[in-house]
Protein backbone atom coordinates (compact mmCIF):
# COMPACT_ATOMS: atom_id res chain seq x y z
CA UNK A 1 17.23 -55.80 45.64
CA UNK A 2 18.15 -59.26 44.57
CA UNK A 3 17.77 -59.94 40.89
CA UNK A 4 14.69 -62.11 40.35
CA UNK A 5 11.76 -62.26 37.95
CA UNK A 6 9.84 -59.35 39.50
CA UNK A 7 12.79 -56.97 39.89
CA UNK A 8 12.92 -55.72 36.31
CA UNK A 9 9.25 -54.61 36.00
CA UNK A 10 9.38 -52.93 39.41
CA UNK A 11 12.49 -50.94 38.56
CA UNK A 12 11.12 -49.98 35.14
CA UNK A 13 7.79 -48.84 36.63
CA UNK A 14 9.51 -46.78 39.33
CA UNK A 15 11.88 -45.26 36.76
CA UNK A 16 9.02 -44.22 34.49
CA UNK A 17 7.15 -42.63 37.41
CA UNK A 18 10.29 -40.79 38.54
CA UNK A 19 11.00 -39.59 34.99
CA UNK A 20 7.44 -38.29 34.59
CA UNK A 21 7.68 -36.44 37.89
CA UNK A 22 10.91 -34.69 36.87
CA UNK A 23 9.58 -33.43 33.50
CA UNK A 24 7.63 -30.43 34.92
CA UNK A 25 10.67 -29.41 36.99
CA UNK A 26 12.71 -29.20 33.79
CA UNK A 27 10.05 -27.01 32.16
CA UNK A 28 8.36 -29.66 30.02
CA UNK A 29 4.65 -29.49 30.79
CA UNK A 30 2.67 -32.62 30.02
CA UNK A 31 -0.98 -32.04 30.90
CA UNK A 32 -1.64 -32.00 34.63
CA UNK A 33 1.65 -33.69 35.60
CA UNK A 34 2.99 -30.40 36.96
CA UNK A 35 0.40 -30.46 39.71
CA UNK A 36 1.02 -34.10 40.64
CA UNK A 37 4.80 -34.32 40.21
CA UNK A 38 5.42 -34.66 43.96
CA UNK A 39 2.90 -37.50 44.19
CA UNK A 40 4.39 -39.27 41.17
CA UNK A 41 7.80 -39.24 42.83
CA UNK A 42 6.28 -40.48 46.09
CA UNK A 43 4.58 -43.32 44.15
CA UNK A 44 7.91 -44.21 42.52
CA UNK A 45 9.54 -44.56 45.93
CA UNK A 46 6.55 -46.52 47.22
CA UNK A 47 6.80 -48.95 44.29
CA UNK A 48 10.49 -49.53 45.03
CA UNK A 49 9.85 -49.99 48.75
CA UNK A 50 6.94 -52.37 48.14
CA UNK A 51 8.97 -54.34 45.61
CA UNK A 52 11.83 -54.65 48.06
CA UNK A 53 9.60 -55.74 50.95
CA UNK A 54 7.45 -58.14 48.93
CA UNK A 55 10.27 -59.78 46.95
CA UNK A 56 10.93 -62.32 49.71
CA UNK A 57 7.31 -63.47 49.97
């Protein structure tokens, strides 16, 4: 992605979602995140894809 105004929040949001999805895999249980860890990782990838596609608009 090109560096522009919206790049930083998109990368930070996707990184937080990815980090939260990896916590249950490492054995750190945070509420119901263990059940939804796959979906959190999918949302992180979706945020990156959407940010990449919508950055030129």
